[in-house]
């Protein structure tokens, strides 16, 4: 699979992965070993928090202006989709994950 990004668009992959690693470690340390794998609510909450963080980061990144490009904003995207929209995808996917289980 070809991964294409522009600017800091690769954060749309890295941020959710980091949140999932941290969420699993936190859930298993608080709820006991295996809590993460048996409770979909922990996974859903982590996915939604990662989506909110990505939405915030994407909006901030894509709102910045660079002097070298005049008034044109520098776009940060993954597969031609702006980073903030990946945050929206994660926010929507969270509750859908609960419906599927």
PDB file of N, CA and C in Angstrom:
ATOM      1  N   UNK A   1       0.845  -1.178   0.000  1.00  0.00           N
ATOM      2  CA  UNK A   1       0.000   0.000   0.000  1.00  0.00           C
ATOM      3  C   UNK A   1       0.888   1.237   0.000  1.00  0.00           C
ATOM      4  N   UNK A   2       0.532   2.172  -0.815  1.00  0.00           N
ATOM      5  CA  UNK A   2       1.270   3.413  -0.928  1.00  0.00           C
ATOM      6  C   UNK A   2       0.687   4.432   0.052  1.00  0.00           C
ATOM      7  N   UNK A   3       1.529   4.955   0.917  1.00  0.00           N
ATOM      8  CA  UNK A   3       1.082   5.964   1.885  1.00  0.00           C
ATOM      9  C   UNK A   3       1.564   7.318   1.385  1.00  0.00           C
ATOM     10  N   UNK A   4       0.605   8.200   1.073  1.00  0.00           N
ATOM     11  CA  UNK A   4       0.939   9.521   0.563  1.00  0.00           C
ATOM     12  C   UNK A   4       0.454  10.576   1.547  1.00  0.00           C
ATOM     13  N   UNK A   5       1.339  11.483   1.896  1.00  0.00           N
ATOM     14  CA  UNK A   5       0.936  12.575   2.761  1.00  0.00           C
ATOM     15  C   UNK A   5       1.633  13.848   2.308  1.00  0.00           C
ATOM     16  N   UNK A   6       1.069  14.946   2.736  1.00  0.00           N
ATOM     17  CA  UNK A   6       1.644  16.248   2.456  1.00  0.00           C
ATOM     18  C   UNK A   6       1.796  16.974   3.781  1.00  0.00           C
ATOM     19  N   UNK A   7       2.910  17.648   3.981  1.00  0.00           N
ATOM     20  CA  UNK A   7       3.163  18.353   5.233  1.00  0.00           C
ATOM     21  C   UNK A   7       3.230  17.371   6.394  1.00  0.00           C
ATOM     22  N   UNK A   8       2.463  17.646   7.433  1.00  0.00           N
ATOM     23  CA  UNK A   8       2.423  16.779   8.623  1.00  0.00           C
ATOM     24  C   UNK A   8       1.252  15.807   8.555  1.00  0.00           C
ATOM     25  N   UNK A   9       0.810  15.444   7.379  1.00  0.00           N
ATOM     26  CA  UNK A   9      -0.307  14.524   7.211  1.00  0.00           C
ATOM     27  C   UNK A   9      -0.067  13.146   7.788  1.00  0.00           C
ATOM     28  N   UNK A  10       1.189  12.763   7.929  1.00  0.00           N
ATOM     29  CA  UNK A  10       1.513  11.458   8.496  1.00  0.00           C
ATOM     30  C   UNK A  10       1.047  11.363   9.952  1.00  0.00           C
ATOM     31  N   UNK A  11       0.781  12.494  10.582  1.00  0.00           N
ATOM     32  CA  UNK A  11       0.258  12.477  11.956  1.00  0.00           C
ATOM     33  C   UNK A  11      -1.091  11.783  12.043  1.00  0.00           C
ATOM     34  N   UNK A  12      -1.824  11.728  10.943  1.00  0.00           N
ATOM     35  CA  UNK A  12      -3.116  11.047  10.933  1.00  0.00           C
ATOM     36  C   UNK A  12      -2.953   9.544  11.147  1.00  0.00           C
ATOM     37  N   UNK A  13      -1.769   9.016  10.947  1.00  0.00           N
ATOM     38  CA  UNK A  13      -1.475   7.619  11.251  1.00  0.00           C
ATOM     39  C   UNK A  13      -0.803   7.455  12.609  1.00  0.00           C
ATOM     40  N   UNK A  14       0.112   8.374  12.915  1.00  0.00           N
ATOM     41  CA  UNK A  14       0.924   8.252  14.125  1.00  0.00           C
ATOM     42  C   UNK A  14       0.120   8.534  15.385  1.00  0.00           C
ATOM     43  N   UNK A  15      -0.691   9.595  15.368  1.00  0.00           N
ATOM     44  CA  UNK A  15      -1.436   9.992  16.571  1.00  0.00           C
ATOM     45  C   UNK A  15      -2.397   8.895  17.045  1.00  0.00           C
ATOM     46  N   UNK A  16      -3.245   8.318  16.187  1.00  0.00           N
ATOM     47  CA  UNK A  16      -4.119   7.243  16.674  1.00  0.00           C
ATOM     48  C   UNK A  16      -3.340   6.026  17.177  1.00  0.00           C
ATOM     49  N   UNK A  17      -2.229   5.710  16.522  1.00  0.00           N
ATOM     50  CA  UNK A  17      -1.419   4.571  16.967  1.00  0.00           C
ATOM     51  C   UNK A  17      -0.860   4.822  18.369  1.00  0.00           C
ATOM     52  N   UNK A  18      -0.363   6.034  18.608  1.00  0.00           N
ATOM     53  CA  UNK A  18       0.156   6.362  19.935  1.00  0.00           C
ATOM     54  C   UNK A  18      -0.946   6.354  20.993  1.00  0.00           C
ATOM     55  N   UNK A  19      -2.118   6.861  20.634  1.00  0.00           N
ATOM     56  CA  UNK A  19      -3.236   6.852  21.578  1.00  0.00           C
ATOM     57  C   UNK A  19      -3.662   5.425  21.901  1.00  0.00           C
ATOM     58  N   UNK A  20      -3.650   4.537  20.901  1.00  0.00           N
ATOM     59  CA  UNK A  20      -4.044   3.157  21.156  1.00  0.00           C
ATOM     60  C   UNK A  20      -3.042   2.448  22.054  1.00  0.00           C
ATOM     61  N   UNK A  21      -1.756   2.684  21.854  1.00  0.00           N
ATOM     62  CA  UNK A  21      -0.741   2.072  22.722  1.00  0.00           C
ATOM     63  C   UNK A  21      -0.904   2.582  24.149  1.00  0.00           C
ATOM     64  N   UNK A  22      -1.059   3.897  24.297  1.00  0.00           N
ATOM     65  CA  UNK A  22      -1.228   4.477  25.633  1.00  0.00           C
ATOM     66  C   UNK A  22      -2.548   4.051  26.255  1.00  0.00           C
ATOM     67  N   UNK A  23      -3.613   3.998  25.468  1.00  0.00           N
ATOM     68  CA  UNK A  23      -4.920   3.590  25.979  1.00  0.00           C
ATOM     69  C   UNK A  23      -4.926   2.156  26.453  1.00  0.00           C
ATOM     70  N   UNK A  24      -4.264   1.281  25.719  1.00  0.00           N
ATOM     71  CA  UNK A  24      -4.202  -0.119  26.128  1.00  0.00           C
ATOM     72  C   UNK A  24      -3.389  -0.271  27.405  1.00  0.00           C
ATOM     73  N   UNK A  25      -2.266   0.426  27.488  1.00  0.00           N
ATOM     74  CA  UNK A  25      -1.449   0.348  28.694  1.00  0.00           C
ATOM     75  C   UNK A  25      -2.209   0.890  29.902  1.00  0.00           C
ATOM     76  N   UNK A  26      -2.913   1.999  29.727  1.00  0.00           N
ATOM     77  CA  UNK A  26      -3.664   2.591  30.826  1.00  0.00           C
ATOM     78  C   UNK A  26      -4.838   1.709  31.237  1.00  0.00           C
ATOM     79  N   UNK A  27      -5.578   1.193  30.268  1.00  0.00           N
ATOM     80  CA  UNK A  27      -6.736   0.351  30.578  1.00  0.00           C
ATOM     81  C   UNK A  27      -6.321  -0.926  31.291  1.00  0.00           C
ATOM     82  N   UNK A  28      -5.246  -1.540  30.845  1.00  0.00           N
ATOM     83  CA  UNK A  28      -4.795  -2.778  31.487  1.00  0.00           C
ATOM     84  C   UNK A  28      -4.184  -2.526  32.858  1.00  0.00           C
ATOM     85  N   UNK A  29      -3.587  -1.355  33.059  1.00  0.00           N
ATOM     86  CA  UNK A  29      -3.015  -1.074  34.379  1.00  0.00           C
ATOM     87  C   UNK A  29      -4.098  -0.709  35.389  1.00  0.00           C
ATOM     88  N   UNK A  30      -5.147  -0.036  34.942  1.00  0.00           N
ATOM     89  CA  UNK A  30      -6.234   0.353  35.845  1.00  0.00           C
ATOM     90  C   UNK A  30      -7.240  -0.783  36.032  1.00  0.00           C
ATOM     91  N   UNK A  31      -7.645  -1.426  34.942  1.00  0.00           N
ATOM     92  CA  UNK A  31      -8.696  -2.438  35.006  1.00  0.00           C
ATOM     93  C   UNK A  31      -8.204  -3.862  35.152  1.00  0.00           C
ATOM     94  N   UNK A  32      -6.927  -4.066  35.118  1.00  0.00           N
ATOM     95  CA  UNK A  32      -6.382  -5.406  35.224  1.00  0.00           C
ATOM     96  C   UNK A  32      -6.013  -5.956  33.856  1.00  0.00           C
ATOM     97  N   UNK A  33      -5.209  -6.995  33.871  1.00  0.00           N
ATOM     98  CA  UNK A  33      -4.740  -7.597  32.632  1.00  0.00           C
ATOM     99  C   UNK A  33      -5.914  -8.107  31.785  1.00  0.00           C
ATOM    100  N   UNK A  34      -5.912  -7.749  30.505  1.00  0.00           N
ATOM    101  CA  UNK A  34      -6.955  -8.190  29.599  1.00  0.00           C
ATOM    102  C   UNK A  34      -8.169  -7.284  29.534  1.00  0.00           C
ATOM    103  N   UNK A  35      -8.185  -6.208  30.309  1.00  0.00           N
ATOM    104  CA  UNK A  35      -9.328  -5.286  30.310  1.00  0.00           C
ATOM    105  C   UNK A  35      -9.552  -4.689  28.924  1.00  0.00           C
ATOM    106  N   UNK A  36      -8.463  -4.300  28.274  1.00  0.00           N
ATOM    107  CA  UNK A  36      -8.536  -3.666  26.961  1.00  0.00           C
ATOM    108  C   UNK A  36      -9.206  -4.570  25.941  1.00  0.00           C
ATOM    109  N   UNK A  37      -8.832  -5.831  25.939  1.00  0.00           N
ATOM    110  CA  UNK A  37      -9.339  -6.739  24.906  1.00  0.00           C
ATOM    111  C   UNK A  37     -10.763  -7.215  25.171  1.00  0.00           C
ATOM    112  N   UNK A  38     -11.245  -7.096  26.412  1.00  0.00           N
ATOM    113  CA  UNK A  38     -12.595  -7.572  26.723  1.00  0.00           C
ATOM    114  C   UNK A  38     -13.627  -6.454  26.821  1.00  0.00           C
ATOM    115  N   UNK A  39     -13.197  -5.215  26.841  1.00  0.00           N
ATOM    116  CA  UNK A  39     -14.126  -4.084  26.983  1.00  0.00           C
ATOM    117  C   UNK A  39     -14.015  -3.162  25.767  1.00  0.00           C
ATOM    118  N   UNK A  40     -14.996  -3.220  24.910  1.00  0.00           N
ATOM    119  CA  UNK A  40     -15.002  -2.376  23.709  1.00  0.00           C
ATOM    120  C   UNK A  40     -15.147  -0.900  24.062  1.00  0.00           C
ATOM    121  N   UNK A  41     -15.690  -0.605  25.219  1.00  0.00           N
ATOM    122  CA  UNK A  41     -15.863   0.797  25.599  1.00  0.00           C
ATOM    123  C   UNK A  41     -14.518   1.498  25.780  1.00  0.00           C
ATOM    124  N   UNK A  42     -13.517   0.785  26.261  1.00  0.00           N
ATOM    125  CA  UNK A  42     -12.186   1.380  26.418  1.00  0.00           C
ATOM    126  C   UNK A  42     -11.585   1.687  25.051  1.00  0.00           C
ATOM    127  N   UNK A  43     -11.769   0.790  24.115  1.00  0.00           N
ATOM    128  CA  UNK A  43     -11.258   1.006  22.758  1.00  0.00           C
ATOM    129  C   UNK A  43     -11.998   2.151  22.074  1.00  0.00           C
ATOM    130  N   UNK A  44     -13.300   2.205  22.271  1.00  0.00           N
ATOM    131  CA  UNK A  44     -14.112   3.263  21.668  1.00  0.00           C
ATOM    132  C   UNK A  44     -13.734   4.631  22.227  1.00  0.00           C
ATOM    133  N   UNK A  45     -13.579   4.711  23.532  1.00  0.00           N
ATOM    134  CA  UNK A  45     -13.196   5.970  24.156  1.00  0.00           C
ATOM    135  C   UNK A  45     -11.834   6.426  23.652  1.00  0.00           C
ATOM    136  N   UNK A  46     -10.895   5.503  23.550  1.00  0.00           N
ATOM    137  CA  UNK A  46      -9.564   5.844  23.047  1.00  0.00           C
ATOM    138  C   UNK A  46      -9.631   6.333  21.608  1.00  0.00           C
ATOM    139  N   UNK A  47     -10.428   5.675  20.790  1.00  0.00           N
ATOM    140  CA  UNK A  47     -10.578   6.076  19.395  1.00  0.00           C
ATOM    141  C   UNK A  47     -11.177   7.474  19.288  1.00  0.00           C
ATOM    142  N   UNK A  48     -12.158   7.767  20.120  1.00  0.00           N
ATOM    143  CA  UNK A  48     -12.798   9.080  20.073  1.00  0.00           C
ATOM    144  C   UNK A  48     -11.880  10.186  20.605  1.00  0.00           C
ATOM    145  N   UNK A  49     -11.105   9.896  21.634  1.00  0.00           N
ATOM    146  CA  UNK A  49     -10.148  10.883  22.151  1.00  0.00           C
ATOM    147  C   UNK A  49      -9.062  11.147  21.112  1.00  0.00           C
ATOM    148  N   UNK A  50      -8.595  10.094  20.448  1.00  0.00           N
ATOM    149  CA  UNK A  50      -7.608  10.268  19.384  1.00  0.00           C
ATOM    150  C   UNK A  50      -8.196  11.090  18.237  1.00  0.00           C
ATOM    151  N   UNK A  51      -9.462  10.862  17.913  1.00  0.00           N
ATOM    152  CA  UNK A  51     -10.119  11.638  16.869  1.00  0.00           C
ATOM    153  C   UNK A  51     -10.234  13.109  17.232  1.00  0.00           C
ATOM    154  N   UNK A  52     -10.584  13.388  18.483  1.00  0.00           N
ATOM    155  CA  UNK A  52     -10.679  14.782  18.928  1.00  0.00           C
ATOM    156  C   UNK A  52      -9.312  15.461  18.886  1.00  0.00           C
ATOM    157  N   UNK A  53      -8.274  14.748  19.306  1.00  0.00           N
ATOM    158  CA  UNK A  53      -6.920  15.309  19.269  1.00  0.00           C
ATOM    159  C   UNK A  53      -6.481  15.565  17.830  1.00  0.00           C
ATOM    160  N   UNK A  54      -6.802  14.639  16.942  1.00  0.00           N
ATOM    161  CA  UNK A  54      -6.430  14.792  15.540  1.00  0.00           C
ATOM    162  C   UNK A  54      -7.206  15.935  14.878  1.00  0.00           C
ATOM    163  N   UNK A  55      -8.469  16.093  15.234  1.00  0.00           N
ATOM    164  CA  UNK A  55      -9.272  17.201  14.724  1.00  0.00           C
ATOM    165  C   UNK A  55      -8.675  18.531  15.159  1.00  0.00           C
ATOM    166  N   UNK A  56      -8.318  18.630  16.428  1.00  0.00           N
ATOM    167  CA  UNK A  56      -7.717  19.850  16.952  1.00  0.00           C
ATOM    168  C   UNK A  56      -6.378  20.132  16.272  1.00  0.00           C
ATOM    169  N   UNK A  57      -5.523  19.096  16.180  1.00  0.00           N
ATOM    170  CA  UNK A  57      -4.209  19.277  15.565  1.00  0.00           C
ATOM    171  C   UNK A  57      -4.331  19.668  14.093  1.00  0.00           C
ATOM    172  N   UNK A  58      -5.225  18.999  13.378  1.00  0.00           N
ATOM    173  CA  UNK A  58      -5.392  19.288  11.963  1.00  0.00           C
ATOM    174  C   UNK A  58      -5.893  20.696  11.714  1.00  0.00           C
ATOM    175  N   UNK A  59      -6.818  21.156  12.537  1.00  0.00           N
ATOM    176  CA  UNK A  59      -7.330  22.528  12.376  1.00  0.00           C
ATOM    177  C   UNK A  59      -6.237  23.545  12.640  1.00  0.00           C
ATOM    178  N   UNK A  60      -5.426  23.296  13.652  1.00  0.00           N
ATOM    179  CA  UNK A  60      -4.319  24.217  13.946  1.00  0.00           C
ATOM    180  C   UNK A  60      -3.272  24.191  12.845  1.00  0.00           C
ATOM    181  N   UNK A  61      -2.910  22.992  12.400  1.00  0.00           N
ATOM    182  CA  UNK A  61      -1.873  22.885  11.372  1.00  0.00           C
ATOM    183  C   UNK A  61      -2.307  23.523  10.062  1.00  0.00           C
ATOM    184  N   UNK A  62      -3.539  23.283   9.653  1.00  0.00           N
ATOM    185  CA  UNK A  62      -3.996  23.790   8.368  1.00  0.00           C
ATOM    186  C   UNK A  62      -4.399  25.253   8.417  1.00  0.00           C
ATOM    187  N   UNK A  63      -4.431  25.849   9.581  1.00  0.00           N
ATOM    188  CA  UNK A  63      -4.760  27.265   9.691  1.00  0.00           C
ATOM    189  C   UNK A  63      -3.505  28.139   9.620  1.00  0.00           C
ATOM    190  N   UNK A  64      -2.343  27.531   9.752  1.00  0.00           N
ATOM    191  CA  UNK A  64      -1.100  28.304   9.730  1.00  0.00           C
ATOM    192  C   UNK A  64      -0.794  28.796   8.315  1.00  0.00           C
ATOM    193  N   UNK A  65      -0.214  29.971   8.258  1.00  0.00           N
ATOM    194  CA  UNK A  65       0.194  30.534   6.969  1.00  0.00           C
ATOM    195  C   UNK A  65       1.714  30.627   6.940  1.00  0.00           C
ATOM    196  N   UNK A  66       2.267  30.375   5.787  1.00  0.00           N
ATOM    197  CA  UNK A  66       3.714  30.440   5.630  1.00  0.00           C
ATOM    198  C   UNK A  66       4.063  31.609   4.714  1.00  0.00           C
ATOM    199  N   UNK A  67       5.060  32.390   5.143  1.00  0.00           N
ATOM    200  CA  UNK A  67       5.439  33.566   4.370  1.00  0.00           C
ATOM    201  C   UNK A  67       5.933  33.198   2.978  1.00  0.00           C
ATOM    202  N   UNK A  68       6.557  32.039   2.850  1.00  0.00           N
ATOM    203  CA  UNK A  68       7.110  31.667   1.545  1.00  0.00           C
ATOM    204  C   UNK A  68       6.026  31.399   0.501  1.00  0.00           C
ATOM    205  N   UNK A  69       4.810  31.126   0.948  1.00  0.00           N
ATOM    206  CA  UNK A  69       3.720  30.848   0.011  1.00  0.00           C
ATOM    207  C   UNK A  69       2.704  31.988  -0.037  1.00  0.00           C
ATOM    208  N   UNK A  70       3.048  33.122   0.520  1.00  0.00           N
ATOM    209  CA  UNK A  70       2.119  34.247   0.514  1.00  0.00           C
ATOM    210  C   UNK A  70       0.948  33.980   1.435  1.00  0.00           C
ATOM    211  N   UNK A  71      -0.271  34.189   0.945  1.00  0.00           N
ATOM    212  CA  UNK A  71      -1.463  33.969   1.752  1.00  0.00           C
ATOM    213  C   UNK A  71      -2.014  32.548   1.646  1.00  0.00           C
ATOM    214  N   UNK A  72      -1.419  31.727   0.815  1.00  0.00           N
ATOM    215  CA  UNK A  72      -1.926  30.356   0.635  1.00  0.00           C
ATOM    216  C   UNK A  72      -1.503  29.497   1.826  1.00  0.00           C
ATOM    217  N   UNK A  73      -2.450  28.832   2.462  1.00  0.00           N
ATOM    218  CA  UNK A  73      -2.079  27.990   3.598  1.00  0.00           C
ATOM    219  C   UNK A  73      -1.385  26.717   3.123  1.00  0.00           C
ATOM    220  N   UNK A  74      -0.496  26.212   3.942  1.00  0.00           N
ATOM    221  CA  UNK A  74       0.142  24.935   3.638  1.00  0.00           C
ATOM    222  C   UNK A  74      -0.801  23.838   4.106  1.00  0.00           C
ATOM    223  N   UNK A  75      -1.114  22.932   3.214  1.00  0.00           N
ATOM    224  CA  UNK A  75      -2.068  21.872   3.536  1.00  0.00           C
ATOM    225  C   UNK A  75      -1.332  20.667   4.108  1.00  0.00           C
ATOM    226  N   UNK A  76      -1.912  20.084   5.132  1.00  0.00           N
ATOM    227  CA  UNK A  76      -1.400  18.871   5.747  1.00  0.00           C
ATOM    228  C   UNK A  76      -2.459  17.798   5.539  1.00  0.00           C
ATOM    229  N   UNK A  77      -2.125  16.782   4.736  1.00  0.00           N
ATOM    230  CA  UNK A  77      -3.136  15.799   4.384  1.00  0.00           C
ATOM    231  C   UNK A  77      -2.524  14.403   4.273  1.00  0.00           C
ATOM    232  N   UNK A  78      -3.398  13.411   4.408  1.00  0.00           N
ATOM    233  CA  UNK A  78      -3.046  12.012   4.212  1.00  0.00           C
ATOM    234  C   UNK A  78      -3.988  11.463   3.160  1.00  0.00           C
ATOM    235  N   UNK A  79      -3.439  10.919   2.091  1.00  0.00           N
ATOM    236  CA  UNK A  79      -4.231  10.442   0.955  1.00  0.00           C
ATOM    237  C   UNK A  79      -5.182  11.531   0.450  1.00  0.00           C
ATOM    238  N   UNK A  80      -4.688  12.754   0.369  1.00  0.00           N
ATOM    239  CA  UNK A  80      -5.409  13.925  -0.149  1.00  0.00           C
ATOM    240  C   UNK A  80      -6.589  14.346   0.726  1.00  0.00           C
ATOM    241  N   UNK A  81      -6.696  13.807   1.928  1.00  0.00           N
ATOM    242  CA  UNK A  81      -7.747  14.184   2.871  1.00  0.00           C
ATOM    243  C   UNK A  81      -7.077  14.972   3.998  1.00  0.00           C
ATOM    244  N   UNK A  82      -7.530  16.214   4.287  1.00  0.00           N
ATOM    245  CA  UNK A  82      -6.926  17.008   5.349  1.00  0.00           C
ATOM    246  C   UNK A  82      -6.948  16.277   6.701  1.00  0.00           C
ATOM    247  N   UNK A  83      -5.945  16.553   7.511  1.00  0.00           N
ATOM    248  CA  UNK A  83      -5.764  15.860   8.792  1.00  0.00           C
ATOM    249  C   UNK A  83      -7.002  15.996   9.684  1.00  0.00           C
ATOM    250  N   UNK A  84      -7.629  17.169   9.710  1.00  0.00           N
ATOM    251  CA  UNK A  84      -8.784  17.342  10.594  1.00  0.00           C
ATOM    252  C   UNK A  84      -9.947  16.434  10.208  1.00  0.00           C
ATOM    253  N   UNK A  85     -10.059  16.106   8.929  1.00  0.00           N
ATOM    254  CA  UNK A  85     -11.142  15.210   8.506  1.00  0.00           C
ATOM    255  C   UNK A  85     -10.889  13.776   8.960  1.00  0.00           C
ATOM    256  N   UNK A  86      -9.624  13.406   9.116  1.00  0.00           N
ATOM    257  CA  UNK A  86      -9.335  12.079   9.682  1.00  0.00           C
ATOM    258  C   UNK A  86      -9.781  12.033  11.138  1.00  0.00           C
ATOM    259  N   UNK A  87      -9.689  13.165  11.829  1.00  0.00           N
ATOM    260  CA  UNK A  87     -10.205  13.232  13.199  1.00  0.00           C
ATOM    261  C   UNK A  87     -11.702  13.009  13.241  1.00  0.00           C
ATOM    262  N   UNK A  88     -12.422  13.594  12.274  1.00  0.00           N
ATOM    263  CA  UNK A  88     -13.870  13.399  12.198  1.00  0.00           C
ATOM    264  C   UNK A  88     -14.195  11.932  11.917  1.00  0.00           C
ATOM    265  N   UNK A  89     -13.413  11.300  11.049  1.00  0.00           N
ATOM    266  CA  UNK A  89     -13.624   9.881  10.750  1.00  0.00           C
ATOM    267  C   UNK A  89     -13.488   9.046  12.020  1.00  0.00           C
ATOM    268  N   UNK A  90     -12.475   9.334  12.825  1.00  0.00           N
ATOM    269  CA  UNK A  90     -12.283   8.582  14.074  1.00  0.00           C
ATOM    270  C   UNK A  90     -13.402   8.858  15.075  1.00  0.00           C
ATOM    271  N   UNK A  91     -13.862  10.103  15.138  1.00  0.00           N
ATOM    272  CA  UNK A  91     -14.958  10.436  16.056  1.00  0.00           C
ATOM    273  C   UNK A  91     -16.245   9.704  15.677  1.00  0.00           C
ATOM    274  N   UNK A  92     -16.486   9.532  14.395  1.00  0.00           N
ATOM    275  CA  UNK A  92     -17.677   8.829  13.932  1.00  0.00           C
ATOM    276  C   UNK A  92     -17.503   7.323  14.072  1.00  0.00           C
ATOM    277  N   UNK A  93     -16.287   6.832  13.837  1.00  0.00           N
ATOM    278  CA  UNK A  93     -16.019   5.395  13.902  1.00  0.00           C
ATOM    279  C   UNK A  93     -16.118   4.843  15.323  1.00  0.00           C
ATOM    280  N   UNK A  94     -15.868   5.685  16.325  1.00  0.00           N
ATOM    281  CA  UNK A  94     -15.917   5.235  17.716  1.00  0.00           C
ATOM    282  C   UNK A  94     -17.258   4.644  18.111  1.00  0.00           C
ATOM    283  N   UNK A  95     -18.343   5.407  18.022  1.00  0.00           N
ATOM    284  CA  UNK A  95     -19.655   4.851  18.373  1.00  0.00           C
ATOM    285  C   UNK A  95     -20.084   3.711  17.464  1.00  0.00           C
ATOM    286  N   UNK A  96     -19.661   3.755  16.197  1.00  0.00           N
ATOM    287  CA  UNK A  96     -20.021   2.663  15.289  1.00  0.00           C
ATOM    288  C   UNK A  96     -19.349   1.358  15.701  1.00  0.00           C
ATOM    289  N   UNK A  97     -18.194   1.481  16.343  1.00  0.00           N
ATOM    290  CA  UNK A  97     -17.496   0.307  16.832  1.00  0.00           C
ATOM    291  C   UNK A  97     -18.307  -0.392  17.912  1.00  0.00           C
ATOM    292  N   UNK A  98     -18.947   0.400  18.767  1.00  0.00           N
ATOM    293  CA  UNK A  98     -19.787  -0.172  19.815  1.00  0.00           C
ATOM    294  C   UNK A  98     -21.027  -0.856  19.235  1.00  0.00           C
ATOM    295  N   UNK A  99     -21.571  -0.274  18.166  1.00  0.00           N
ATOM    296  CA  UNK A  99     -22.758  -0.870  17.548  1.00  0.00           C
ATOM    297  C   UNK A  99     -22.445  -2.212  16.886  1.00  0.00           C
ATOM    298  N   UNK A 100     -21.203  -2.359  16.442  1.00  0.00           N
ATOM    299  CA  UNK A 100     -20.819  -3.592  15.773  1.00  0.00           C
ATOM    300  C   UNK A 100     -20.557  -4.746  16.719  1.00  0.00           C
ATOM    301  N   UNK A 101     -20.419  -4.460  18.007  1.00  0.00           N
ATOM    302  CA  UNK A 101     -20.110  -5.540  18.958  1.00  0.00           C
ATOM    303  C   UNK A 101     -21.310  -5.951  19.752  1.00  0.00           C
TER     304      UNK A 101
END
